[in-house]
Amino acid sequence: MFRVLVDYIRLVFIGTVIVIGGRVLIYTRWYISDELYYKRFVSLVLLFILSIVLIILIPNLIGILIG
């Protein structure tokens, strides 16, 4: 149903997204770890990273809209 295309350019973009997302998560652990909604924020950031990776990997429009 869904095709996934992987080439070196997509891998570079995925690596960039994961590095930046990881840095955001490291910074938020230091900065807002004592806040009330810290776990909610971390889960939203992880969902955002997942959706960006899906947008990079899936080549068709319907898959992009679902991701």
PDB file of N, CA and C in Angstrom:
ATOM      1  N   MET A   1       0.825  -1.188   0.000  1.00  0.00           N
ATOM      2  CA  MET A   1       0.000   0.000   0.000  1.00  0.00           C
ATOM      3  C   MET A   1       0.875   1.260   0.000  1.00  0.00           C
ATOM      4  N   PHE A   2       1.796   1.356   0.934  1.00  0.00           N
ATOM      5  CA  PHE A   2       2.699   2.504   0.986  1.00  0.00           C
ATOM      6  C   PHE A   2       4.077   2.072   0.538  1.00  0.00           C
ATOM      7  N   ARG A   3       4.647   2.821  -0.365  1.00  0.00           N
ATOM      8  CA  ARG A   3       6.023   2.581  -0.775  1.00  0.00           C
ATOM      9  C   ARG A   3       6.937   3.518  -0.016  1.00  0.00           C
ATOM     10  N   VAL A   4       8.134   3.033   0.240  1.00  0.00           N
ATOM     11  CA  VAL A   4       9.137   3.839   0.921  1.00  0.00           C
ATOM     12  C   VAL A   4      10.369   3.878   0.034  1.00  0.00           C
ATOM     13  N   LEU A   5      10.836   5.066  -0.268  1.00  0.00           N
ATOM     14  CA  LEU A   5      12.048   5.238  -1.055  1.00  0.00           C
ATOM     15  C   LEU A   5      13.185   5.682  -0.147  1.00  0.00           C
ATOM     16  N   VAL A   6      14.333   5.015  -0.291  1.00  0.00           N
ATOM     17  CA  VAL A   6      15.505   5.371   0.516  1.00  0.00           C
ATOM     18  C   VAL A   6      16.685   5.569  -0.429  1.00  0.00           C
ATOM     19  N   ASP A   7      17.267   6.734  -0.381  1.00  0.00           N
ATOM     20  CA  ASP A   7      18.513   7.012  -1.081  1.00  0.00           C
ATOM     21  C   ASP A   7      19.390   7.846  -0.152  1.00  0.00           C
ATOM     22  N   TYR A   8      20.570   8.200  -0.614  1.00  0.00           N
ATOM     23  CA  TYR A   8      21.501   8.866   0.293  1.00  0.00           C
ATOM     24  C   TYR A   8      21.039  10.269   0.681  1.00  0.00           C
ATOM     25  N   ILE A   9      20.331  10.951  -0.179  1.00  0.00           N
ATOM     26  CA  ILE A   9      19.846  12.293   0.163  1.00  0.00           C
ATOM     27  C   ILE A   9      18.789  12.210   1.262  1.00  0.00           C
ATOM     28  N   ARG A  10      17.882  11.259   1.145  1.00  0.00           N
ATOM     29  CA  ARG A  10      16.877  11.074   2.190  1.00  0.00           C
ATOM     30  C   ARG A  10      17.525  10.678   3.512  1.00  0.00           C
ATOM     31  N   LEU A  11      18.560   9.846   3.452  1.00  0.00           N
ATOM     32  CA  LEU A  11      19.260   9.454   4.675  1.00  0.00           C
ATOM     33  C   LEU A  11      19.946  10.646   5.332  1.00  0.00           C
ATOM     34  N   VAL A  12      20.477  11.551   4.528  1.00  0.00           N
ATOM     35  CA  VAL A  12      21.088  12.776   5.085  1.00  0.00           C
ATOM     36  C   VAL A  12      20.022  13.627   5.763  1.00  0.00           C
ATOM     37  N   PHE A  13      18.867  13.791   5.107  1.00  0.00           N
ATOM     38  CA  PHE A  13      17.789  14.575   5.711  1.00  0.00           C
ATOM     39  C   PHE A  13      17.280  13.923   6.994  1.00  0.00           C
ATOM     40  N   ILE A  14      17.122  12.605   6.980  1.00  0.00           N
ATOM     41  CA  ILE A  14      16.657  11.902   8.187  1.00  0.00           C
ATOM     42  C   ILE A  14      17.674  12.055   9.311  1.00  0.00           C
ATOM     43  N   GLY A  15      18.940  11.934   8.984  1.00  0.00           N
ATOM     44  CA  GLY A  15      19.976  12.131  10.001  1.00  0.00           C
ATOM     45  C   GLY A  15      19.953  13.531  10.579  1.00  0.00           C
ATOM     46  N   THR A  16      19.736  14.519   9.726  1.00  0.00           N
ATOM     47  CA  THR A  16      19.652  15.905  10.190  1.00  0.00           C
ATOM     48  C   THR A  16      18.464  16.097  11.122  1.00  0.00           C
ATOM     49  N   VAL A  17      17.310  15.541  10.748  1.00  0.00           N
ATOM     50  CA  VAL A  17      16.107  15.659  11.595  1.00  0.00           C
ATOM     51  C   VAL A  17      16.332  14.977  12.936  1.00  0.00           C
ATOM     52  N   ILE A  18      16.943  13.805  12.927  1.00  0.00           N
ATOM     53  CA  ILE A  18      17.163  13.075  14.178  1.00  0.00           C
ATOM     54  C   ILE A  18      18.172  13.797  15.066  1.00  0.00           C
ATOM     55  N   VAL A  19      19.227  14.349  14.472  1.00  0.00           N
ATOM     56  CA  VAL A  19      20.223  15.082  15.272  1.00  0.00           C
ATOM     57  C   VAL A  19      19.605  16.329  15.894  1.00  0.00           C
ATOM     58  N   ILE A  20      18.871  17.100  15.110  1.00  0.00           N
ATOM     59  CA  ILE A  20      18.253  18.314  15.650  1.00  0.00           C
ATOM     60  C   ILE A  20      17.195  17.959  16.699  1.00  0.00           C
ATOM     61  N   GLY A  21      16.384  16.944  16.421  1.00  0.00           N
ATOM     62  CA  GLY A  21      15.383  16.519  17.403  1.00  0.00           C
ATOM     63  C   GLY A  21      16.017  16.001  18.681  1.00  0.00           C
ATOM     64  N   GLY A  22      17.111  15.268  18.546  1.00  0.00           N
ATOM     65  CA  GLY A  22      17.820  14.796  19.735  1.00  0.00           C
ATOM     66  C   GLY A  22      18.384  15.929  20.560  1.00  0.00           C
ATOM     67  N   ARG A  23      18.909  16.935  19.879  1.00  0.00           N
ATOM     68  CA  ARG A  23      19.432  18.105  20.604  1.00  0.00           C
ATOM     69  C   ARG A  23      18.310  18.855  21.336  1.00  0.00           C
ATOM     70  N   VAL A  24      17.151  18.945  20.696  1.00  0.00           N
ATOM     71  CA  VAL A  24      16.005  19.583  21.353  1.00  0.00           C
ATOM     72  C   VAL A  24      15.619  18.803  22.604  1.00  0.00           C
ATOM     73  N   LEU A  25      15.582  17.471  22.501  1.00  0.00           N
ATOM     74  CA  LEU A  25      15.217  16.661  23.660  1.00  0.00           C
ATOM     75  C   LEU A  25      16.248  16.753  24.772  1.00  0.00           C
ATOM     76  N   ILE A  26      17.530  16.814  24.413  1.00  0.00           N
ATOM     77  CA  ILE A  26      18.569  16.983  25.435  1.00  0.00           C
ATOM     78  C   ILE A  26      18.423  18.340  26.120  1.00  0.00           C
ATOM     79  N   TYR A  27      18.183  19.383  25.342  1.00  0.00           N
ATOM     80  CA  TYR A  27      18.022  20.718  25.918  1.00  0.00           C
ATOM     81  C   TYR A  27      16.792  20.789  26.814  1.00  0.00           C
ATOM     82  N   THR A  28      15.682  20.181  26.385  1.00  0.00           N
ATOM     83  CA  THR A  28      14.476  20.258  27.215  1.00  0.00           C
ATOM     84  C   THR A  28      14.632  19.466  28.496  1.00  0.00           C
ATOM     85  N   ARG A  29      15.413  18.384  28.470  1.00  0.00           N
ATOM     86  CA  ARG A  29      15.654  17.651  29.720  1.00  0.00           C
ATOM     87  C   ARG A  29      16.361  18.548  30.730  1.00  0.00           C
ATOM     88  N   TRP A  30      17.285  19.363  30.243  1.00  0.00           N
ATOM     89  CA  TRP A  30      18.007  20.264  31.131  1.00  0.00           C
ATOM     90  C   TRP A  30      17.155  21.462  31.542  1.00  0.00           C
ATOM     91  N   TYR A  31      16.322  21.953  30.622  1.00  0.00           N
ATOM     92  CA  TYR A  31      15.656  23.231  30.841  1.00  0.00           C
ATOM     93  C   TYR A  31      14.297  23.092  31.514  1.00  0.00           C
ATOM     94  N   ILE A  32      13.456  22.146  31.100  1.00  0.00           N
ATOM     95  CA  ILE A  32      12.092  22.077  31.632  1.00  0.00           C
ATOM     96  C   ILE A  32      11.751  20.719  32.239  1.00  0.00           C
ATOM     97  N   SER A  33      12.742  20.003  32.749  1.00  0.00           N
ATOM     98  CA  SER A  33      12.463  18.668  33.282  1.00  0.00           C
ATOM     99  C   SER A  33      11.582  18.694  34.529  1.00  0.00           C
ATOM    100  N   ASP A  34      11.511  19.816  35.217  1.00  0.00           N
ATOM    101  CA  ASP A  34      10.696  19.910  36.429  1.00  0.00           C
ATOM    102  C   ASP A  34       9.287  20.426  36.171  1.00  0.00           C
ATOM    103  N   GLU A  35       8.965  20.729  34.942  1.00  0.00           N
ATOM    104  CA  GLU A  35       7.642  21.264  34.619  1.00  0.00           C
ATOM    105  C   GLU A  35       6.563  20.180  34.694  1.00  0.00           C
ATOM    106  N   LEU A  36       5.333  20.615  34.808  1.00  0.00           N
ATOM    107  CA  LEU A  36       4.209  19.713  34.973  1.00  0.00           C
ATOM    108  C   LEU A  36       3.957  18.874  33.729  1.00  0.00           C
ATOM    109  N   TYR A  37       4.031  19.467  32.550  1.00  0.00           N
ATOM    110  CA  TYR A  37       3.698  18.774  31.304  1.00  0.00           C
ATOM    111  C   TYR A  37       4.940  18.375  30.511  1.00  0.00           C
ATOM    112  N   TYR A  38       6.006  18.024  31.194  1.00  0.00           N
ATOM    113  CA  TYR A  38       7.258  17.649  30.521  1.00  0.00           C
ATOM    114  C   TYR A  38       7.075  16.395  29.669  1.00  0.00           C
ATOM    115  N   LYS A  39       6.425  15.370  30.191  1.00  0.00           N
ATOM    116  CA  LYS A  39       6.250  14.126  29.440  1.00  0.00           C
ATOM    117  C   LYS A  39       5.382  14.345  28.209  1.00  0.00           C
ATOM    118  N   ARG A  40       4.373  15.180  28.311  1.00  0.00           N
ATOM    119  CA  ARG A  40       3.530  15.498  27.162  1.00  0.00           C
ATOM    120  C   ARG A  40       4.339  16.200  26.083  1.00  0.00           C
ATOM    121  N   PHE A  41       5.173  17.138  26.486  1.00  0.00           N
ATOM    122  CA  PHE A  41       5.996  17.857  25.526  1.00  0.00           C
ATOM    123  C   PHE A  41       6.963  16.916  24.813  1.00  0.00           C
ATOM    124  N   VAL A  42       7.607  16.023  25.551  1.00  0.00           N
ATOM    125  CA  VAL A  42       8.551  15.080  24.954  1.00  0.00           C
ATOM    126  C   VAL A  42       7.837  14.156  23.980  1.00  0.00           C
ATOM    127  N   SER A  43       6.655  13.686  24.339  1.00  0.00           N
ATOM    128  CA  SER A  43       5.930  12.804  23.423  1.00  0.00           C
ATOM    129  C   SER A  43       5.492  13.560  22.166  1.00  0.00           C
ATOM    130  N   LEU A  44       5.110  14.820  22.289  1.00  0.00           N
ATOM    131  CA  LEU A  44       4.756  15.607  21.102  1.00  0.00           C
ATOM    132  C   LEU A  44       5.962  15.854  20.202  1.00  0.00           C
ATOM    133  N   VAL A  45       7.113  16.100  20.791  1.00  0.00           N
ATOM    134  CA  VAL A  45       8.326  16.287  19.988  1.00  0.00           C
ATOM    135  C   VAL A  45       8.682  14.991  19.264  1.00  0.00           C
ATOM    136  N   LEU A  46       8.551  13.839  19.940  1.00  0.00           N
ATOM    137  CA  LEU A  46       8.839  12.558  19.291  1.00  0.00           C
ATOM    138  C   LEU A  46       7.851  12.270  18.167  1.00  0.00           C
ATOM    139  N   LEU A  47       6.587  12.598  18.353  1.00  0.00           N
ATOM    140  CA  LEU A  47       5.611  12.433  17.275  1.00  0.00           C
ATOM    141  C   LEU A  47       5.918  13.354  16.094  1.00  0.00           C
ATOM    142  N   PHE A  48       6.365  14.549  16.385  1.00  0.00           N
ATOM    143  CA  PHE A  48       6.746  15.478  15.328  1.00  0.00           C
ATOM    144  C   PHE A  48       7.935  14.937  14.530  1.00  0.00           C
ATOM    145  N   ILE A  49       8.935  14.406  15.224  1.00  0.00           N
ATOM    146  CA  ILE A  49      10.096  13.832  14.548  1.00  0.00           C
ATOM    147  C   ILE A  49       9.668  12.653  13.682  1.00  0.00           C
ATOM    148  N   LEU A  50       8.802  11.800  14.207  1.00  0.00           N
ATOM    149  CA  LEU A  50       8.309  10.663  13.433  1.00  0.00           C
ATOM    150  C   LEU A  50       7.559  11.118  12.186  1.00  0.00           C
ATOM    151  N   SER A  51       6.727  12.144  12.322  1.00  0.00           N
ATOM    152  CA  SER A  51       5.975  12.613  11.161  1.00  0.00           C
ATOM    153  C   SER A  51       6.892  13.228  10.104  1.00  0.00           C
ATOM    154  N   ILE A  52       7.936  13.928  10.514  1.00  0.00           N
ATOM    155  CA  ILE A  52       8.879  14.491   9.554  1.00  0.00           C
ATOM    156  C   ILE A  52       9.642  13.374   8.830  1.00  0.00           C
ATOM    157  N   VAL A  53      10.032  12.331   9.555  1.00  0.00           N
ATOM    158  CA  VAL A  53      10.713  11.200   8.921  1.00  0.00           C
ATOM    159  C   VAL A  53       9.781  10.515   7.923  1.00  0.00           C
ATOM    160  N   LEU A  54       8.505  10.375   8.262  1.00  0.00           N
ATOM    161  CA  LEU A  54       7.554   9.788   7.320  1.00  0.00           C
ATOM    162  C   LEU A  54       7.368  10.664   6.092  1.00  0.00           C
ATOM    163  N   ILE A  55       7.353  11.964   6.267  1.00  0.00           N
ATOM    164  CA  ILE A  55       7.246  12.868   5.123  1.00  0.00           C
ATOM    165  C   ILE A  55       8.464  12.719   4.210  1.00  0.00           C
ATOM    166  N   ILE A  56       9.630  12.516   4.788  1.00  0.00           N
ATOM    167  CA  ILE A  56      10.832  12.344   3.985  1.00  0.00           C
ATOM    168  C   ILE A  56      10.804  11.017   3.236  1.00  0.00           C
ATOM    169  N   LEU A  57      10.328   9.956   3.863  1.00  0.00           N
ATOM    170  CA  LEU A  57      10.419   8.618   3.275  1.00  0.00           C
ATOM    171  C   LEU A  57       9.329   8.280   2.272  1.00  0.00           C
ATOM    172  N   ILE A  58       8.114   8.770   2.477  1.00  0.00           N
ATOM    173  CA  ILE A  58       6.995   8.350   1.653  1.00  0.00           C
ATOM    174  C   ILE A  58       6.895   9.269   0.428  1.00  0.00           C
ATOM    175  N   PRO A  59       6.902   8.690  -0.785  1.00  0.00           N
ATOM    176  CA  PRO A  59       6.969   9.514  -1.991  1.00  0.00           C
ATOM    177  C   PRO A  59       5.632  10.008  -2.536  1.00  0.00           C
ATOM    178  N   ASN A  60       4.504   9.492  -2.078  1.00  0.00           N
ATOM    179  CA  ASN A  60       3.242   9.917  -2.679  1.00  0.00           C
ATOM    180  C   ASN A  60       2.482  10.897  -1.785  1.00  0.00           C
ATOM    181  N   LEU A  61       1.559  11.625  -2.346  1.00  0.00           N
ATOM    182  CA  LEU A  61       0.851  12.694  -1.663  1.00  0.00           C
ATOM    183  C   LEU A  61      -0.038  12.166  -0.534  1.00  0.00           C
ATOM    184  N   ILE A  62      -0.727  11.059  -0.769  1.00  0.00           N
ATOM    185  CA  ILE A  62      -1.609  10.518   0.269  1.00  0.00           C
ATOM    186  C   ILE A  62      -0.815  10.092   1.485  1.00  0.00           C
ATOM    187  N   GLY A  63       0.312   9.478   1.279  1.00  0.00           N
ATOM    188  CA  GLY A  63       1.165   9.097   2.397  1.00  0.00           C
ATOM    189  C   GLY A  63       1.691  10.298   3.152  1.00  0.00           C
ATOM    190  N   ILE A  64       2.003  11.353   2.434  1.00  0.00           N
ATOM    191  CA  ILE A  64       2.471  12.576   3.088  1.00  0.00           C
ATOM    192  C   ILE A  64       1.353  13.192   3.928  1.00  0.00           C
ATOM    193  N   LEU A  65       0.135  13.185   3.408  1.00  0.00           N
ATOM    194  CA  LEU A  65      -0.982  13.749   4.170  1.00  0.00           C
ATOM    195  C   LEU A  65      -1.293  12.916   5.408  1.00  0.00           C
ATOM    196  N   ILE A  66      -1.127  11.607   5.343  1.00  0.00           N
ATOM    197  CA  ILE A  66      -1.349  10.757   6.507  1.00  0.00           C
ATOM    198  C   ILE A  66      -0.215  10.943   7.509  1.00  0.00           C
ATOM    199  N   GLY A  67       1.010  11.047   7.022  1.00  0.00           N
ATOM    200  CA  GLY A  67       2.179  11.190   7.904  1.00  0.00           C
ATOM    201  C   GLY A  67       2.205  12.542   8.531  1.00  0.00           C
TER     202      GLY A  67
END
